[in-house]
Amino acid sequence: MTAGALVSYSSRVTSRRPTRTTETDEPRGASSAPSYARAGVDLDHDEGFVGEIKEIARGSFRPEVLSSIGGFAGLFKTPDRYRDPVLVASTDGVGTKLKLAARLGRYDTIGIDCVAMVVNDLVVQGAEPIVFLDYLAMGELDRGIATEALRGVTEGCRRAGCALLGGETATMPGVYPPGEVELVGFGVGVVEREKVIDGSTIREGDVLLGLSSNGVHSNGFSLVRSILDQAERAGNLDLRAEDPDLNGSVASALLAPTRIYVKPILNLLRDFTLNGMVHVTGGGFGGNVPRILPKGVRARIDTSSWPRPPIFGWLQRR
């Protein structure tokens, strides 16, 4: 079936109200009565945004998206080519990189980060990511920020080959300061049962191959922000200034979106047998590689065998 309208993308305040409530709907003498508008929520503004996001999300659809039935959840048909499919699920968020994005007023890459953190976890199990859902929250709906972030989510889904099947946009006055957002994702992948990769077939003598990062990705930003704060107090920091060592600004280097490894890994799996894979995130090699090693097996990694992205040297010098 062909893809149609996205039916499950909702705004928290618009999906639950039974009737329209605006300032002009209030009866005379009720000017002090509680209302969504006085609480900081513009229902009509939020409702219009939902329709806009449906159009954006449609750009990530796959033929398996079923849109003609239901409206409270997204529907997706398991691809026919799988004989004994196993579903693989993961969830993650962008983390405190969002604080830097808000500081710089740049939200165009965080959606890609959100997708990457989830789909990279899926593909290291041997799974093809097929669907993704996001959760975006802010104090009051800023359509510019939200649209920028969710365009990034859609782009991330395109890069990973999965469909943005739905999501939630939550407006929560008093919870988030202006300009700040929370962005979290949930994804599902599929793999043949006999092709699940869990590291159990790793043996002594196996060769380790690494796929390089393009920067800090979406981990360690509490430390990164601490380094930036120290440099700022010392008076030698301009995040937007061009740095010849970085081939651009510090801001661009730090906000570079997390690399999505799905397509190169799926290509490898078509031609080779991979015994185990690791998505190196928080905790680095030491915190992630041992998670897939069988008892009694250790990994030896030559950290001098690849060039380090320049942003790491920049951070170390400060």
Foldseek 3Di string as FASTA:
>chain_A
DADDWQQAAEEVVQVPDPDDDDCVVDDPPCNVPDDCVVVQADNVVRVVLSVVLRVLLSLLDDRQWDDPDDRNFTDGDDDPVADAKDKDKDKDWLPCVLVLCLVVVHQQFRLLLQLQVTVVVVCQQVWQWAEKEKEKEAQYDDSVNVVNNSNNVSVNSNVSSYGDNYYYYYHRHPPHDPSGMTMMMMTMTMDHPVQGAQLPPDDPPDDDDDDDKQAQARADVVVVVVLQVVCVVVPNDDQQDQDPLQNGGNSCRSSPHTDHCNPVSNVCVVPDRDRGDWDAHPPGCNVIVVSNHDPPDDDDDDPVPDDDRSSVVVSVVD
